């Protein structure tokens, strides 16, 4: 006797398909939802709907919205470091070029992913005490610190002047990224991509007196 076939819902199909990587699927949906709706309208139910899974799935993996935002911010720092690595891989190997590449990668991430950029650096909702977020955030900071250390041949931890250089570099590229992501530097928007990058490189080089000596 033939068994009765029970129709399978779209959510069930997608949920089964993503059984092995459901957490990553939810983070991808959350990233898209964040970009479309902003952090204030973000909800677990909306993320589940976008992912095509049960509304209970995000709570199972992340607990609540802030737990999901913590994981999403960690994903953001990973994206930041990936953008910087792309620049590092195509830059010349000398310390100046590598440090400029780190700055350009930072700006690339900010302008390509403004919502993730602001979640990682401006929102108070992610829990930075969570090891899953604390570690990638520290790794991202260390990338910049290591770039300055290579140029100055001195660790920021042992020299306050080098620490000031790290802060100067960070403030400059972060400010540029935020302004560009917000469309506030109008004259750069009127330039070609090559012209814009040349200006950004010049600005980044001016951020650190030590670069001018190199």
C-alpha atoms as a PDB file:
ATOM      1  CA  UNK A   1       0.000   0.000   0.000  1.00  0.00           C
ATOM      2  CA  UNK A   2       1.302   3.412  -0.936  1.00  0.00           C
ATOM      3  CA  UNK A   3       1.969   5.816   1.890  1.00  0.00           C
ATOM      4  CA  UNK A   4       0.336   9.184   1.762  1.00  0.00           C
ATOM      5  CA  UNK A   5       2.805  11.868   0.680  1.00  0.00           C
ATOM      6  CA  UNK A   6       2.752  14.873   3.018  1.00  0.00           C
ATOM      7  CA  UNK A   7       3.770  18.124   1.307  1.00  0.00           C
ATOM      8  CA  UNK A   8       7.012  19.591   2.648  1.00  0.00           C
ATOM      9  CA  UNK A   9       7.049  23.296   3.332  1.00  0.00           C
ATOM     10  CA  UNK A  10       9.706  25.555   1.857  1.00  0.00           C
ATOM     11  CA  UNK A  11      11.056  26.270   5.344  1.00  0.00           C
ATOM     12  CA  UNK A  12      11.409  22.577   6.100  1.00  0.00           C
ATOM     13  CA  UNK A  13      13.183  21.954   2.803  1.00  0.00           C
ATOM     14  CA  UNK A  14      15.625  24.806   3.373  1.00  0.00           C
ATOM     15  CA  UNK A  15      16.100  23.839   7.009  1.00  0.00           C
ATOM     16  CA  UNK A  16      17.024  20.282   6.009  1.00  0.00           C
ATOM     17  CA  UNK A  17      19.266  21.480   3.221  1.00  0.00           C
ATOM     18  CA  UNK A  18      21.163  23.761   5.588  1.00  0.00           C
ATOM     19  CA  UNK A  19      21.282  21.209   8.393  1.00  0.00           C
ATOM     20  CA  UNK A  20      25.083  21.195   8.414  1.00  0.00           C
ATOM     21  CA  UNK A  21      25.584  24.952   8.232  1.00  0.00           C
ATOM     22  CA  UNK A  22      22.395  26.449   9.629  1.00  0.00           C
ATOM     23  CA  UNK A  23      24.285  28.827  11.901  1.00  0.00           C
ATOM     24  CA  UNK A  24      26.163  30.306   8.959  1.00  0.00           C
ATOM     25  CA  UNK A  25      22.945  30.514   6.951  1.00  0.00           C
ATOM     26  CA  UNK A  26      21.312  32.462   9.779  1.00  0.00           C
ATOM     27  CA  UNK A  27      24.261  34.847   9.974  1.00  0.00           C
ATOM     28  CA  UNK A  28      24.053  35.472   6.228  1.00  0.00           C
ATOM     29  CA  UNK A  29      20.345  36.199   6.602  1.00  0.00           C
ATOM     30  CA  UNK A  30      21.030  38.464   9.577  1.00  0.00           C
ATOM     31  CA  UNK A  31      23.640  40.392   7.615  1.00  0.00           C
ATOM     32  CA  UNK A  32      21.194  40.952   4.761  1.00  0.00           C
ATOM     33  CA  UNK A  33      18.434  41.924   7.194  1.00  0.00           C
ATOM     34  CA  UNK A  34      20.753  44.355   8.960  1.00  0.00           C
ATOM     35  CA  UNK A  35      21.674  46.022   5.667  1.00  0.00           C
ATOM     36  CA  UNK A  36      18.025  46.300   4.600  1.00  0.00           C
ATOM     37  CA  UNK A  37      16.283  47.174   7.867  1.00  0.00           C
ATOM     38  CA  UNK A  38      18.912  48.548  10.230  1.00  0.00           C
ATOM     39  CA  UNK A  39      19.751  47.386  13.718  1.00  0.00           C
ATOM     40  CA  UNK A  40      16.650  48.779  15.429  1.00  0.00           C
ATOM     41  CA  UNK A  41      14.242  46.751  13.296  1.00  0.00           C
ATOM     42  CA  UNK A  42      16.255  43.554  13.428  1.00  0.00           C
ATOM     43  CA  UNK A  43      14.335  40.588  14.856  1.00  0.00           C
ATOM     44  CA  UNK A  44      14.929  36.871  15.151  1.00  0.00           C
ATOM     45  CA  UNK A  45      11.614  36.150  13.469  1.00  0.00           C
ATOM     46  CA  UNK A  46      12.484  38.300  10.442  1.00  0.00           C
ATOM     47  CA  UNK A  47      15.894  36.644  10.164  1.00  0.00           C
ATOM     48  CA  UNK A  48      14.347  33.181  10.350  1.00  0.00           C
ATOM     49  CA  UNK A  49      11.848  34.132   7.653  1.00  0.00           C
ATOM     50  CA  UNK A  50      14.608  35.424   5.388  1.00  0.00           C
ATOM     51  CA  UNK A  51      16.610  32.230   5.940  1.00  0.00           C
ATOM     52  CA  UNK A  52      13.519  30.106   5.304  1.00  0.00           C
ATOM     53  CA  UNK A  53      13.724  28.215   8.602  1.00  0.00           C
ATOM     54  CA  UNK A  54      11.650  27.837  11.737  1.00  0.00           C
ATOM     55  CA  UNK A  55      11.312  31.013  13.795  1.00  0.00           C
ATOM     56  CA  UNK A  56      12.815  29.084  16.727  1.00  0.00           C
ATOM     57  CA  UNK A  57      16.078  28.373  14.892  1.00  0.00           C
ATOM     58  CA  UNK A  58      17.867  31.700  15.625  1.00  0.00           C
ATOM     59  CA  UNK A  59      17.017  31.508  19.331  1.00  0.00           C
ATOM     60  CA  UNK A  60      18.340  27.955  19.450  1.00  0.00           C
ATOM     61  CA  UNK A  61      21.714  29.034  18.074  1.00  0.00           C
ATOM     62  CA  UNK A  62      22.119  32.536  19.503  1.00  0.00           C
ATOM     63  CA  UNK A  63      19.753  32.878  22.473  1.00  0.00           C
ATOM     64  CA  UNK A  64      18.416  36.348  21.705  1.00  0.00           C
ATOM     65  CA  UNK A  65      18.898  39.233  19.294  1.00  0.00           C
ATOM     66  CA  UNK A  66      21.941  40.577  21.137  1.00  0.00           C
ATOM     67  CA  UNK A  67      23.511  37.136  21.056  1.00  0.00           C
ATOM     68  CA  UNK A  68      23.010  37.048  17.303  1.00  0.00           C
ATOM     69  CA  UNK A  69      24.413  40.571  16.953  1.00  0.00           C
ATOM     70  CA  UNK A  70      27.475  39.479  18.923  1.00  0.00           C
ATOM     71  CA  UNK A  71      28.072  36.628  16.483  1.00  0.00           C
ATOM     72  CA  UNK A  72      27.361  38.948  13.545  1.00  0.00           C
ATOM     73  CA  UNK A  73      29.881  41.503  14.801  1.00  0.00           C
ATOM     74  CA  UNK A  74      32.474  38.724  15.038  1.00  0.00           C
ATOM     75  CA  UNK A  75      31.673  37.889  11.423  1.00  0.00           C
ATOM     76  CA  UNK A  76      32.202  41.567  10.614  1.00  0.00           C
ATOM     77  CA  UNK A  77      35.713  41.572  12.064  1.00  0.00           C
ATOM     78  CA  UNK A  78      36.465  38.490   9.984  1.00  0.00           C
ATOM     79  CA  UNK A  79      35.271  40.342   6.888  1.00  0.00           C
ATOM     80  CA  UNK A  80      37.440  43.325   7.830  1.00  0.00           C
ATOM     81  CA  UNK A  81      40.555  41.176   8.113  1.00  0.00           C
ATOM     82  CA  UNK A  82      39.740  39.409   4.844  1.00  0.00           C
ATOM     83  CA  UNK A  83      39.479  42.789   3.074  1.00  0.00           C
ATOM     84  CA  UNK A  84      42.806  43.848   4.548  1.00  0.00           C
ATOM     85  CA  UNK A  85      44.470  40.591   3.539  1.00  0.00           C
ATOM     86  CA  UNK A  86      43.336  41.078  -0.046  1.00  0.00           C
ATOM     87  CA  UNK A  87      45.095  44.429  -0.063  1.00  0.00           C
ATOM     88  CA  UNK A  88      48.201  43.037   1.667  1.00  0.00           C
ATOM     89  CA  UNK A  89      48.509  40.241  -0.872  1.00  0.00           C
ATOM     90  CA  UNK A  90      48.662  42.677  -3.796  1.00  0.00           C
ATOM     91  CA  UNK A  91      50.802  45.364  -2.135  1.00  0.00           C
ATOM     92  CA  UNK A  92      54.569  45.627  -2.221  1.00  0.00           C
ATOM     93  CA  UNK A  93      56.272  43.852   0.694  1.00  0.00           C
ATOM     94  CA  UNK A  94      57.932  46.889   2.288  1.00  0.00           C
ATOM     95  CA  UNK A  95      56.460  48.048   5.651  1.00  0.00           C
ATOM     96  CA  UNK A  96      55.127  51.356   4.321  1.00  0.00           C
ATOM     97  CA  UNK A  97      53.229  49.740   1.452  1.00  0.00           C
ATOM     98  CA  UNK A  98      51.905  47.019   3.754  1.00  0.00           C
ATOM     99  CA  UNK A  99      50.646  49.536   6.302  1.00  0.00           C
ATOM    100  CA  UNK A 100      48.964  51.619   3.606  1.00  0.00           C
ATOM    101  CA  UNK A 101      47.373  48.406   2.316  1.00  0.00           C
ATOM    102  CA  UNK A 102      45.968  47.700   5.776  1.00  0.00           C
ATOM    103  CA  UNK A 103      44.398  51.154   5.766  1.00  0.00           C
ATOM    104  CA  UNK A 104      42.919  50.724   2.311  1.00  0.00           C
ATOM    105  CA  UNK A 105      41.496  47.327   3.288  1.00  0.00           C
ATOM    106  CA  UNK A 106      39.877  48.915   6.332  1.00  0.00           C
ATOM    107  CA  UNK A 107      38.230  51.525   4.105  1.00  0.00           C
ATOM    108  CA  UNK A 108      37.197  48.859   1.584  1.00  0.00           C
ATOM    109  CA  UNK A 109      35.318  47.002   4.311  1.00  0.00           C
ATOM    110  CA  UNK A 110      33.641  50.152   5.655  1.00  0.00           C
ATOM    111  CA  UNK A 111      32.405  51.331   2.272  1.00  0.00           C
ATOM    112  CA  UNK A 112      31.292  47.902   1.025  1.00  0.00           C
ATOM    113  CA  UNK A 113      29.546  46.924   4.277  1.00  0.00           C
ATOM    114  CA  UNK A 114      28.485  50.088   6.143  1.00  0.00           C
ATOM    115  CA  UNK A 115      25.908  48.331   8.327  1.00  0.00           C
ATOM    116  CA  UNK A 116      28.381  45.648   9.430  1.00  0.00           C
ATOM    117  CA  UNK A 117      31.069  48.310   9.920  1.00  0.00           C
ATOM    118  CA  UNK A 118      28.861  50.303  12.272  1.00  0.00           C
ATOM    119  CA  UNK A 119      27.664  47.196  14.099  1.00  0.00           C
ATOM    120  CA  UNK A 120      31.264  46.186  14.801  1.00  0.00           C
ATOM    121  CA  UNK A 121      32.508  49.620  15.819  1.00  0.00           C
ATOM    122  CA  UNK A 122      29.576  51.797  16.900  1.00  0.00           C
ATOM    123  CA  UNK A 123      26.857  49.609  18.400  1.00  0.00           C
ATOM    124  CA  UNK A 124      26.700  48.823  22.115  1.00  0.00           C
ATOM    125  CA  UNK A 125      24.591  45.724  21.603  1.00  0.00           C
ATOM    126  CA  UNK A 126      27.268  43.161  20.741  1.00  0.00           C
ATOM    127  CA  UNK A 127      28.926  41.668  23.837  1.00  0.00           C
ATOM    128  CA  UNK A 128      32.672  42.198  23.499  1.00  0.00           C
ATOM    129  CA  UNK A 129      33.278  40.126  26.623  1.00  0.00           C
ATOM    130  CA  UNK A 130      32.116  37.099  24.668  1.00  0.00           C
ATOM    131  CA  UNK A 131      35.248  35.184  23.579  1.00  0.00           C
ATOM    132  CA  UNK A 132      33.694  34.555  20.177  1.00  0.00           C
ATOM    133  CA  UNK A 133      33.736  38.315  19.546  1.00  0.00           C
ATOM    134  CA  UNK A 134      36.643  39.396  21.728  1.00  0.00           C
ATOM    135  CA  UNK A 135      39.154  37.220  19.887  1.00  0.00           C
ATOM    136  CA  UNK A 136      38.450  38.381  16.286  1.00  0.00           C
ATOM    137  CA  UNK A 137      38.214  42.000  17.466  1.00  0.00           C
ATOM    138  CA  UNK A 138      41.643  41.670  19.088  1.00  0.00           C
ATOM    139  CA  UNK A 139      43.074  39.972  15.996  1.00  0.00           C
ATOM    140  CA  UNK A 140      41.822  42.849  13.833  1.00  0.00           C
ATOM    141  CA  UNK A 141      43.427  45.399  16.144  1.00  0.00           C
ATOM    142  CA  UNK A 142      46.654  43.389  16.243  1.00  0.00           C
ATOM    143  CA  UNK A 143      46.858  43.431  12.430  1.00  0.00           C
ATOM    144  CA  UNK A 144      47.080  47.212  12.524  1.00  0.00           C
ATOM    145  CA  UNK A 145      49.434  47.180  15.503  1.00  0.00           C
ATOM    146  CA  UNK A 146      51.711  44.676  13.770  1.00  0.00           C
ATOM    147  CA  UNK A 147      51.781  46.850  10.672  1.00  0.00           C
ATOM    148  CA  UNK A 148      52.946  49.840  12.706  1.00  0.00           C
ATOM    149  CA  UNK A 149      55.446  47.678  14.594  1.00  0.00           C
ATOM    150  CA  UNK A 150      56.988  46.491  11.335  1.00  0.00           C
ATOM    151  CA  UNK A 151      57.447  50.075  10.231  1.00  0.00           C
ATOM    152  CA  UNK A 152      58.793  51.406  13.510  1.00  0.00           C
ATOM    153  CA  UNK A 153      60.649  48.228  14.530  1.00  0.00           C
ATOM    154  CA  UNK A 154      59.138  48.641  17.974  1.00  0.00           C
ATOM    155  CA  UNK A 155      56.095  47.216  19.749  1.00  0.00           C
ATOM    156  CA  UNK A 156      53.256  49.568  20.739  1.00  0.00           C
ATOM    157  CA  UNK A 157      53.194  47.801  24.100  1.00  0.00           C
ATOM    158  CA  UNK A 158      56.696  49.018  24.904  1.00  0.00           C
ATOM    159  CA  UNK A 159      56.703  52.491  23.361  1.00  0.00           C
ATOM    160  CA  UNK A 160      54.027  55.122  23.884  1.00  0.00           C
ATOM    161  CA  UNK A 161      55.055  56.939  20.714  1.00  0.00           C
ATOM    162  CA  UNK A 162      54.373  53.802  18.684  1.00  0.00           C
ATOM    163  CA  UNK A 163      51.050  53.400  20.468  1.00  0.00           C
ATOM    164  CA  UNK A 164      50.227  56.960  19.412  1.00  0.00           C
ATOM    165  CA  UNK A 165      51.065  56.014  15.835  1.00  0.00           C
ATOM    166  CA  UNK A 166      48.673  53.058  16.030  1.00  0.00           C
ATOM    167  CA  UNK A 167      45.922  55.308  17.388  1.00  0.00           C
ATOM    168  CA  UNK A 168      46.622  57.930  14.715  1.00  0.00           C
ATOM    169  CA  UNK A 169      46.493  55.388  11.927  1.00  0.00           C
ATOM    170  CA  UNK A 170      43.338  53.760  13.285  1.00  0.00           C
ATOM    171  CA  UNK A 171      41.560  57.096  13.758  1.00  0.00           C
ATOM    172  CA  UNK A 172      42.452  58.213  10.245  1.00  0.00           C
ATOM    173  CA  UNK A 173      41.332  55.099   8.353  1.00  0.00           C
ATOM    174  CA  UNK A 174      38.254  54.664  10.537  1.00  0.00           C
ATOM    175  CA  UNK A 175      37.234  58.272   9.996  1.00  0.00           C
ATOM    176  CA  UNK A 176      37.792  58.002   6.259  1.00  0.00           C
ATOM    177  CA  UNK A 177      35.808  54.774   6.113  1.00  0.00           C
ATOM    178  CA  UNK A 178      32.909  56.243   8.057  1.00  0.00           C
ATOM    179  CA  UNK A 179      32.814  59.470   6.046  1.00  0.00           C
ATOM    180  CA  UNK A 180      32.983  57.647   2.742  1.00  0.00           C
ATOM    181  CA  UNK A 181      30.335  55.121   3.793  1.00  0.00           C
ATOM    182  CA  UNK A 182      28.082  58.047   4.711  1.00  0.00           C
ATOM    183  CA  UNK A 183      28.754  59.866   1.432  1.00  0.00           C
ATOM    184  CA  UNK A 184      30.175  62.864   3.257  1.00  0.00           C
ATOM    185  CA  UNK A 185      33.341  63.441   1.217  1.00  0.00           C
ATOM    186  CA  UNK A 186      31.663  64.638  -1.939  1.00  0.00           C
ATOM    187  CA  UNK A 187      34.748  65.573  -3.921  1.00  0.00           C
ATOM    188  CA  UNK A 188      36.126  62.040  -3.682  1.00  0.00           C
ATOM    189  CA  UNK A 189      32.895  60.660  -5.095  1.00  0.00           C
ATOM    190  CA  UNK A 190      33.423  62.737  -8.225  1.00  0.00           C
ATOM    191  CA  UNK A 191      36.828  61.144  -8.900  1.00  0.00           C
ATOM    192  CA  UNK A 192      37.598  57.967 -10.785  1.00  0.00           C
ATOM    193  CA  UNK A 193      38.393  54.895  -8.700  1.00  0.00           C
ATOM    194  CA  UNK A 194      42.108  55.294  -9.453  1.00  0.00           C
ATOM    195  CA  UNK A 195      42.107  58.996  -8.553  1.00  0.00           C
ATOM    196  CA  UNK A 196      40.168  58.348  -5.353  1.00  0.00           C
ATOM    197  CA  UNK A 197      42.585  55.642  -4.258  1.00  0.00           C
ATOM    198  CA  UNK A 198      45.579  57.904  -4.932  1.00  0.00           C
ATOM    199  CA  UNK A 199      44.065  60.582  -2.674  1.00  0.00           C
ATOM    200  CA  UNK A 200      43.277  58.043   0.043  1.00  0.00           C
ATOM    201  CA  UNK A 201      46.842  56.748  -0.034  1.00  0.00           C
ATOM    202  CA  UNK A 202      48.156  60.289   0.356  1.00  0.00           C
ATOM    203  CA  UNK A 203      45.827  60.930   3.307  1.00  0.00           C
ATOM    204  CA  UNK A 204      46.790  57.656   4.991  1.00  0.00           C
ATOM    205  CA  UNK A 205      50.488  58.451   4.607  1.00  0.00           C
ATOM    206  CA  UNK A 206      49.930  61.807   6.292  1.00  0.00           C
ATOM    207  CA  UNK A 207      48.306  60.107   9.286  1.00  0.00           C
ATOM    208  CA  UNK A 208      51.652  59.086  10.722  1.00  0.00           C
ATOM    209  CA  UNK A 209      54.730  61.301  10.984  1.00  0.00           C
ATOM    210  CA  UNK A 210      56.871  58.156  10.855  1.00  0.00           C
ATOM    211  CA  UNK A 211      55.601  57.437   7.347  1.00  0.00           C
ATOM    212  CA  UNK A 212      56.817  60.795   6.145  1.00  0.00           C
ATOM    213  CA  UNK A 213      60.325  59.820   7.295  1.00  0.00           C
ATOM    214  CA  UNK A 214      60.276  56.503   5.428  1.00  0.00           C
END
